[in-house]
């Protein structure tokens, strides 16, 4: 009986996506130690919620939250946006420093290169086209790289979904609405009357960050349809006011100049 040929293992692997899945994939492939080269590319300039008990990567425990009772092991089950981001940045730091995690690199195309039908070689099997967002001279310039294998670890939240609410398109055209996907912090929102739509993880994190920039005389309004999940460390907060019913229509005021 003829022994079947074992598949040829790739030696050079590219991982796409700097979120939780991509980061732990990078770490695991490197620790496996059987590959010549493993790298990760993330198109943004930084690396990207689950219950706290199941959050930590193996060998890199998530730090206990601020409100933590060590004796009774009681804590708020949801880490804040800041806590989550700091954890991922700390995990990614050594990979950024040694060049195996490249930020500001957008993958615009991945193609499988044709090989002879009888070829078992996987060397340079994949053609990857990258755009360097960090290039101040020519950010649209595309470069080509060849890899034996590609692991896609991009999230399913990359395309923002907007509600079909009357008047929202006009508000967006005026630059007065921001999706949670594009949220990078409360800077620039000081002194503005702000309405946050939603009552789950993202909206409550954003409302909590905004609340630090306002006074109780001008609270952050939060449009809600149903009660929030219990256990948010940022709630309740007197600076955040829930309003019901949910938004039915947006109307821009025409103010005279």
Protein backbone atom coordinates (compact mmCIF):
# COMPACT_ATOMS: atom_id res chain seq x y z
CA UNK A 1 0.00 0.00 0.00
CA UNK A 2 1.42 3.32 -1.05
CA UNK A 3 1.80 5.90 1.70
CA UNK A 4 -0.03 9.12 0.75
CA UNK A 5 2.13 12.18 0.39
CA UNK A 6 1.81 14.66 3.20
CA UNK A 7 0.87 18.21 2.23
CA UNK A 8 3.70 20.71 2.06
CA UNK A 9 3.59 23.13 4.98
CA UNK A 10 3.88 26.84 4.26
CA UNK A 11 6.95 28.59 5.63
CA UNK A 12 5.96 32.26 5.29
CA UNK A 13 2.58 33.39 6.60
CA UNK A 14 0.84 36.77 6.48
CA UNK A 15 -1.99 37.57 8.90
CA UNK A 16 -4.49 40.29 7.98
CA UNK A 17 -6.17 42.21 10.81
CA UNK A 18 -4.88 43.60 14.11
CA UNK A 19 -7.87 42.80 16.30
CA UNK A 20 -8.04 40.16 19.04
CA UNK A 21 -8.20 37.23 16.60
CA UNK A 22 -5.29 38.45 14.48
CA UNK A 23 -3.07 39.24 17.47
CA UNK A 24 -3.44 35.86 19.13
CA UNK A 25 -2.96 34.11 15.76
CA UNK A 26 0.32 35.99 15.30
CA UNK A 27 1.51 35.05 18.78
CA UNK A 28 0.55 31.38 18.39
CA UNK A 29 2.22 30.97 14.99
CA UNK A 30 5.41 32.58 16.27
CA UNK A 31 5.47 30.42 19.40
CA UNK A 32 4.89 27.30 17.31
CA UNK A 33 8.34 27.96 15.90
CA UNK A 34 7.97 25.98 12.67
CA UNK A 35 7.71 28.91 10.25
CA UNK A 36 10.48 30.99 8.71
CA UNK A 37 8.49 34.21 8.77
CA UNK A 38 5.17 35.29 10.27
CA UNK A 39 3.88 38.85 10.05
CA UNK A 40 0.64 40.74 10.64
CA UNK A 41 -0.62 43.83 8.83
CA UNK A 42 -3.26 46.23 10.17
CA UNK A 43 -4.55 49.09 8.08
CA UNK A 44 -5.16 51.48 10.97
CA UNK A 45 -2.46 53.17 13.02
CA UNK A 46 -3.32 51.17 16.15
CA UNK A 47 -4.49 47.72 17.16
CA UNK A 48 -8.10 47.10 17.95
CA UNK A 49 -16.31 42.53 24.21
CA UNK A 50 -16.54 39.67 25.76
CA UNK A 51 -17.03 38.73 29.40
CA UNK A 52 -13.93 39.36 31.50
CA UNK A 53 -13.55 35.72 32.59
CA UNK A 54 -13.03 34.61 28.98
CA UNK A 55 -11.12 37.65 27.73
CA UNK A 56 -7.48 36.94 28.53
CA UNK A 57 -5.04 35.36 26.11
CA UNK A 58 -3.14 32.35 27.44
CA UNK A 59 -0.05 33.56 29.27
CA UNK A 60 -1.15 37.20 29.18
CA UNK A 61 -3.87 37.71 31.83
CA UNK A 62 -6.27 40.61 31.64
CA UNK A 63 -5.62 43.02 34.55
CA UNK A 64 -8.36 43.19 37.18
CA UNK A 65 -10.70 46.17 36.75
CA UNK A 66 -10.61 49.16 39.05
CA UNK A 67 -13.71 48.06 40.93
CA UNK A 68 -12.55 44.60 42.01
CA UNK A 69 -13.15 42.82 45.31
CA UNK A 70 -10.23 40.36 45.56
CA UNK A 71 -11.54 38.69 48.72
CA UNK A 72 -14.94 37.85 47.28
CA UNK A 73 -13.78 37.75 43.62
CA UNK A 74 -16.56 40.09 42.57
CA UNK A 75 -16.18 42.51 39.70
CA UNK A 76 -18.05 44.23 36.91
CA UNK A 77 -18.10 41.68 34.04
CA UNK A 78 -17.59 44.21 31.23
CA UNK A 79 -14.19 45.91 30.79
CA UNK A 80 -14.36 49.50 29.61
CA UNK A 81 -13.28 50.55 26.14
CA UNK A 82 -10.10 52.05 27.58
CA UNK A 83 -9.24 48.89 29.56
CA UNK A 84 -9.77 46.70 26.51
CA UNK A 85 -7.70 48.95 24.25
CA UNK A 86 -4.82 49.18 26.74
CA UNK A 87 -4.76 45.39 27.08
CA UNK A 88 -4.51 44.85 23.31
CA UNK A 89 -1.85 47.56 22.93
CA UNK A 90 0.28 45.97 25.65
CA UNK A 91 -0.10 42.55 24.05
CA UNK A 92 0.85 43.90 20.59
CA UNK A 93 3.77 46.10 21.70
CA UNK A 94 6.62 43.54 21.40
CA UNK A 95 5.44 42.48 17.94
CA UNK A 96 5.34 46.09 16.75
CA UNK A 97 8.83 46.73 18.13
CA UNK A 98 10.38 43.73 16.36
CA UNK A 99 8.65 44.54 13.05
CA UNK A 100 6.39 41.50 12.88
CA UNK A 101 3.28 43.68 13.27
CA UNK A 102 3.02 46.46 10.70
CA UNK A 103 0.50 49.25 11.21
CA UNK A 104 -0.95 51.51 8.53
CA UNK A 105 -0.84 48.78 5.88
CA UNK A 106 -4.11 48.17 4.01
CA UNK A 107 -4.56 44.96 2.05
CA UNK A 108 -6.38 45.85 -1.16
CA UNK A 109 -6.06 42.54 -3.00
CA UNK A 110 -5.23 38.89 -2.32
CA UNK A 111 -4.81 36.52 -5.27
CA UNK A 112 -3.88 32.87 -5.50
CA UNK A 113 -1.09 32.46 -8.02
CA UNK A 114 -1.45 29.67 -10.60
CA UNK A 115 0.80 26.66 -10.06
CA UNK A 116 1.30 23.55 -12.20
CA UNK A 117 -1.35 20.93 -11.57
CA UNK A 118 1.21 18.43 -10.32
CA UNK A 119 3.02 20.93 -8.10
CA UNK A 120 2.90 20.46 -4.34
CA UNK A 121 5.03 23.50 -3.64
CA UNK A 122 3.24 26.30 -1.80
CA UNK A 123 6.11 28.80 -1.92
CA UNK A 124 4.87 32.28 -2.90
CA UNK A 125 1.43 30.86 -3.61
CA UNK A 126 -0.38 34.07 -2.66
CA UNK A 127 0.05 37.53 -4.14
CA UNK A 128 -0.88 40.30 -1.70
CA UNK A 129 -1.20 43.95 -2.74
CA UNK A 130 -0.72 46.48 0.06
CA UNK A 131 -1.26 50.21 0.37
CA UNK A 132 0.88 52.11 2.89
CA UNK A 133 -1.36 54.59 4.73
CA UNK A 134 1.63 55.76 6.78
CA UNK A 135 3.45 57.02 3.67
CA UNK A 136 3.05 60.84 3.78
CA UNK A 137 4.37 61.30 0.25
CA UNK A 138 2.29 58.75 -1.64
CA UNK A 139 -0.26 56.95 0.58
CA UNK A 140 -2.02 55.52 -2.50
CA UNK A 141 1.09 53.74 -3.76
CA UNK A 142 0.59 49.99 -3.93
CA UNK A 143 3.27 47.38 -3.28
CA UNK A 144 3.19 43.65 -3.92
CA UNK A 145 4.29 40.88 -1.58
CA UNK A 146 4.36 37.11 -2.05
CA UNK A 147 3.43 34.74 0.78
CA UNK A 148 3.03 31.00 1.13
CA UNK A 149 -0.21 31.35 3.11
CA UNK A 150 -2.59 34.12 4.20
CA UNK A 151 -4.77 34.14 7.33
CA UNK A 152 -7.73 36.54 7.20
CA UNK A 153 -8.63 37.82 10.69
CA UNK A 154 -10.68 40.89 9.86
CA UNK A 155 -13.84 41.45 11.89
CA UNK A 156 -17.44 41.50 10.76
CA UNK A 157 -17.94 45.00 12.20
CA UNK A 158 -15.82 46.70 9.56
CA UNK A 159 -18.78 48.03 7.56
CA UNK A 160 -20.86 50.42 9.68
CA UNK A 161 -24.61 49.85 9.69
CA UNK A 162 -26.78 52.96 10.04
CA UNK A 163 -30.46 52.88 11.03
CA UNK A 164 -32.98 53.91 8.40
CA UNK A 165 -34.28 56.91 10.33
CA UNK A 166 -35.91 59.84 8.55
CA UNK A 167 -33.54 62.81 8.26
CA UNK A 168 -30.40 60.88 9.28
CA UNK A 169 -28.84 61.08 5.81
CA UNK A 170 -28.93 64.88 5.92
CA UNK A 171 -27.38 64.89 9.41
CA UNK A 172 -24.58 62.66 8.15
CA UNK A 173 -23.99 64.86 5.10
CA UNK A 174 -23.45 67.82 7.43
CA UNK A 175 -20.87 65.86 9.41
CA UNK A 176 -22.99 65.88 12.56
CA UNK A 177 -23.19 62.11 13.05
CA UNK A 178 -20.40 59.64 13.82
CA UNK A 179 -20.62 55.85 13.84
CA UNK A 180 -19.12 53.86 16.72
CA UNK A 181 -16.76 52.21 14.22
CA UNK A 182 -15.00 55.54 13.70
CA UNK A 183 -14.92 56.57 17.37
CA UNK A 184 -11.42 57.39 18.61
CA UNK A 185 -12.18 59.30 21.81
CA UNK A 186 -14.05 62.32 23.19
CA UNK A 187 -11.52 64.95 22.14
CA UNK A 188 -13.22 67.62 20.06
CA UNK A 189 -16.66 67.02 21.55
CA UNK A 190 -16.20 69.39 24.49
CA UNK A 191 -19.15 71.70 25.12
CA UNK A 192 -21.47 70.01 22.62
CA UNK A 193 -24.93 68.71 23.37
CA UNK A 194 -24.60 65.10 22.32
CA UNK A 195 -27.06 62.26 21.75
CA UNK A 196 -25.75 58.69 21.80
CA UNK A 197 -27.95 56.12 20.07
CA UNK A 198 -28.06 52.70 21.71
CA UNK A 199 -27.80 51.04 25.09
CA UNK A 200 -25.21 48.28 24.69
CA UNK A 201 -21.42 48.00 24.94
CA UNK A 202 -20.27 50.55 22.36
CA UNK A 203 -22.85 53.22 23.13
CA UNK A 204 -22.35 53.02 26.89
CA UNK A 205 -18.56 53.18 26.55
CA UNK A 206 -18.85 56.24 24.30
CA UNK A 207 -21.35 57.92 26.62
CA UNK A 208 -19.03 57.32 29.59
CA UNK A 209 -16.08 58.87 27.78
CA UNK A 210 -18.15 61.89 26.76
CA UNK A 211 -19.54 62.34 30.28
CA UNK A 212 -16.11 63.33 31.58
CA UNK A 213 -16.23 66.39 29.31
CA UNK A 214 -19.63 67.77 30.33
CA UNK A 215 -21.38 69.10 33.41
CA UNK A 216 -24.63 67.90 34.96
CA UNK A 217 -26.33 71.01 33.56
CA UNK A 218 -25.74 69.64 30.05
CA UNK A 219 -25.84 65.83 30.26
CA UNK A 220 -25.08 63.25 27.61
CA UNK A 221 -28.38 61.98 26.25
CA UNK A 222 -28.69 58.29 25.44
CA UNK A 223 -31.54 57.12 23.21
CA UNK A 224 -32.65 53.69 24.42
CA UNK A 225 -35.27 51.11 23.45
CA UNK A 226 -34.77 48.61 26.26
CA UNK A 227 -32.84 48.33 29.56
CA UNK A 228 -29.09 47.87 29.35
CA UNK A 229 -27.34 44.63 30.24
CA UNK A 230 -26.52 44.53 33.97
CA UNK A 231 -22.95 45.00 35.07
CA UNK A 232 -21.67 48.00 33.12
CA UNK A 233 -18.98 49.60 35.27
CA UNK A 234 -19.85 53.06 33.88
CA UNK A 235 -23.54 52.96 34.82
CA UNK A 236 -25.45 54.50 36.45
CA UNK A 237 -24.01 57.98 35.91
CA UNK A 238 -25.86 61.19 36.73
CA UNK A 239 -24.16 62.84 33.75
CA UNK A 240 -25.80 60.34 31.35
CA UNK A 241 -29.54 60.67 30.84
CA UNK A 242 -31.55 57.97 29.10
CA UNK A 243 -34.37 59.16 26.86
CA UNK A 244 -37.31 57.27 25.38
CA UNK A 245 -38.95 56.51 22.99
CA UNK A 246 -36.21 55.95 20.37
CA UNK A 247 -35.52 58.56 17.71
CA UNK A 248 -38.13 58.63 14.93
CA UNK A 249 -36.90 61.60 12.91
CA UNK A 250 -33.96 64.03 12.68
CA UNK A 251 -34.57 67.67 11.78
CA UNK A 252 -31.82 70.22 11.18
CA UNK A 253 -32.59 73.69 12.50
CA UNK A 254 -32.14 76.48 9.94
CA UNK A 255 -30.44 79.18 11.96
CA UNK A 256 -30.04 82.67 10.46
CA UNK A 257 -26.48 83.95 10.12
